[in-house]
Amino acid sequence: MNLSFEPQFARLKISLQDNTKIYVQYNNHDQYSYSIIFSAKHELDRCRFDNYNKNWIVPDRPNHFHPRMTLDGFKSPMRGIPDDDIPLFCELVIKGKLRDANLRF
């Protein structure tokens, strides 16, 4: 595992042994993103929790979840509160639940 801070993007980057990449990002506009990139070969081979786009029609707008292999946004358990979100995100990564393209919350 390799952990780095990318100040130009205000994000942490974690590279796992299998080349999976994890990004945790916050900005000064109360926006956040927790992403896991499984493969760079396929554009949608990733999952992301964020609140960047307020246009998703989800009950927890602007917070939403982009499952693996889809552009769509769905209800998210994340709220942009690191003390709450990061442990849940880590649990989902460790248990491999984000690999499931059918995962919905």
Foldseek 3Di string as FASTA:
>chain_A
DDWDADVVQQWIWDADPQRKIWIWHDDPVLKIKTKIANDPVDPQQMKMWIQPDQPAPEPPPSTWIQAGPDPHTYDDPDDSDCVPPVVVVVVCVVVVVSNDSPDHD
